[in-house]
């Protein structure tokens, strides 16, 4: 299966979403329960953490891409 026609950053984002959905489902967390149980500060911390993970994934993809182009 060739995904070369997709944006390079799309795969890490989809992978991160899939992993987060799996973890949340495993622990029985739904949107409704999050809205009821988490404070605004906790929600902001989760969003900040996800953004940080996204930046790290993007940096890793960029690093791997540049290493592949340098070795060719």
Protein backbone atom coordinates (compact mmCIF):
# COMPACT_ATOMS: atom_id res chain seq x y z
CA UNK A 1 0.00 0.00 0.00
CA UNK A 2 1.63 3.23 -1.17
CA UNK A 3 0.74 6.41 0.71
CA UNK A 4 3.18 8.63 -1.18
CA UNK A 5 0.38 10.87 -2.49
CA UNK A 6 -0.61 11.94 1.03
CA UNK A 7 0.91 14.84 2.92
CA UNK A 8 4.03 13.75 4.86
CA UNK A 9 2.66 15.05 8.19
CA UNK A 10 -0.72 13.32 7.83
CA UNK A 11 0.45 9.88 8.95
CA UNK A 12 1.84 10.96 12.35
CA UNK A 13 -1.31 12.97 13.04
CA UNK A 14 -3.56 10.03 12.19
CA UNK A 15 -1.38 7.69 14.21
CA UNK A 16 -1.52 10.00 17.23
CA UNK A 17 -5.32 10.27 16.93
CA UNK A 18 -5.65 6.51 16.69
CA UNK A 19 -3.44 5.95 19.73
CA UNK A 20 -5.31 8.55 21.79
CA UNK A 21 -8.69 7.08 20.82
CA UNK A 22 -7.48 3.62 21.84
CA UNK A 23 -6.26 4.82 25.22
CA UNK A 24 -9.43 6.78 25.91
CA UNK A 25 -11.70 3.91 24.84
CA UNK A 26 -9.71 1.46 26.93
CA UNK A 27 -10.45 3.51 30.02
CA UNK A 28 -14.09 4.15 29.10
CA UNK A 29 -13.68 7.87 28.53
CA UNK A 30 -16.24 9.56 26.30
CA UNK A 31 -16.76 13.19 25.27
CA UNK A 32 -19.64 13.46 27.72
CA UNK A 33 -17.64 12.14 30.66
CA UNK A 34 -14.74 14.47 29.83
CA UNK A 35 -17.03 17.49 29.74
CA UNK A 36 -18.48 16.52 33.12
CA UNK A 37 -15.33 15.51 35.00
CA UNK A 38 -12.43 17.67 33.77
CA UNK A 39 -11.83 21.25 34.76
CA UNK A 40 -10.96 23.83 32.12
CA UNK A 41 -7.35 23.78 33.35
CA UNK A 42 -7.11 20.01 32.90
CA UNK A 43 -8.59 20.26 29.41
CA UNK A 44 -6.04 22.93 28.51
CA UNK A 45 -3.19 20.77 29.82
CA UNK A 46 -4.34 17.84 27.68
CA UNK A 47 -4.58 20.04 24.58
CA UNK A 48 -1.12 21.48 25.29
CA UNK A 49 0.32 17.97 25.70
CA UNK A 50 -1.21 16.85 22.42
CA UNK A 51 0.22 19.91 20.65
CA UNK A 52 3.66 19.17 22.08
CA UNK A 53 3.44 15.55 20.92
CA UNK A 54 2.37 16.74 17.47
CA UNK A 55 5.39 19.04 17.23
CA UNK A 56 7.70 16.23 18.32
CA UNK A 57 6.19 13.88 15.73
CA UNK A 58 6.54 16.52 13.02
CA UNK A 59 10.17 17.11 13.99
CA UNK A 60 10.89 13.39 13.86
CA UNK A 61 9.27 13.05 10.43
CA UNK A 62 11.24 16.05 9.15
CA UNK A 63 14.47 14.63 10.54
CA UNK A 64 13.85 11.23 8.97
CA UNK A 65 12.89 12.82 5.65
CA UNK A 66 16.04 14.95 5.56
CA UNK A 67 18.21 11.95 6.48
CA UNK A 68 16.67 9.92 3.64
CA UNK A 69 17.28 12.68 1.11
CA UNK A 70 20.88 13.11 2.30
CA UNK A 71 21.65 9.39 1.89
CA UNK A 72 20.35 9.23 -1.70
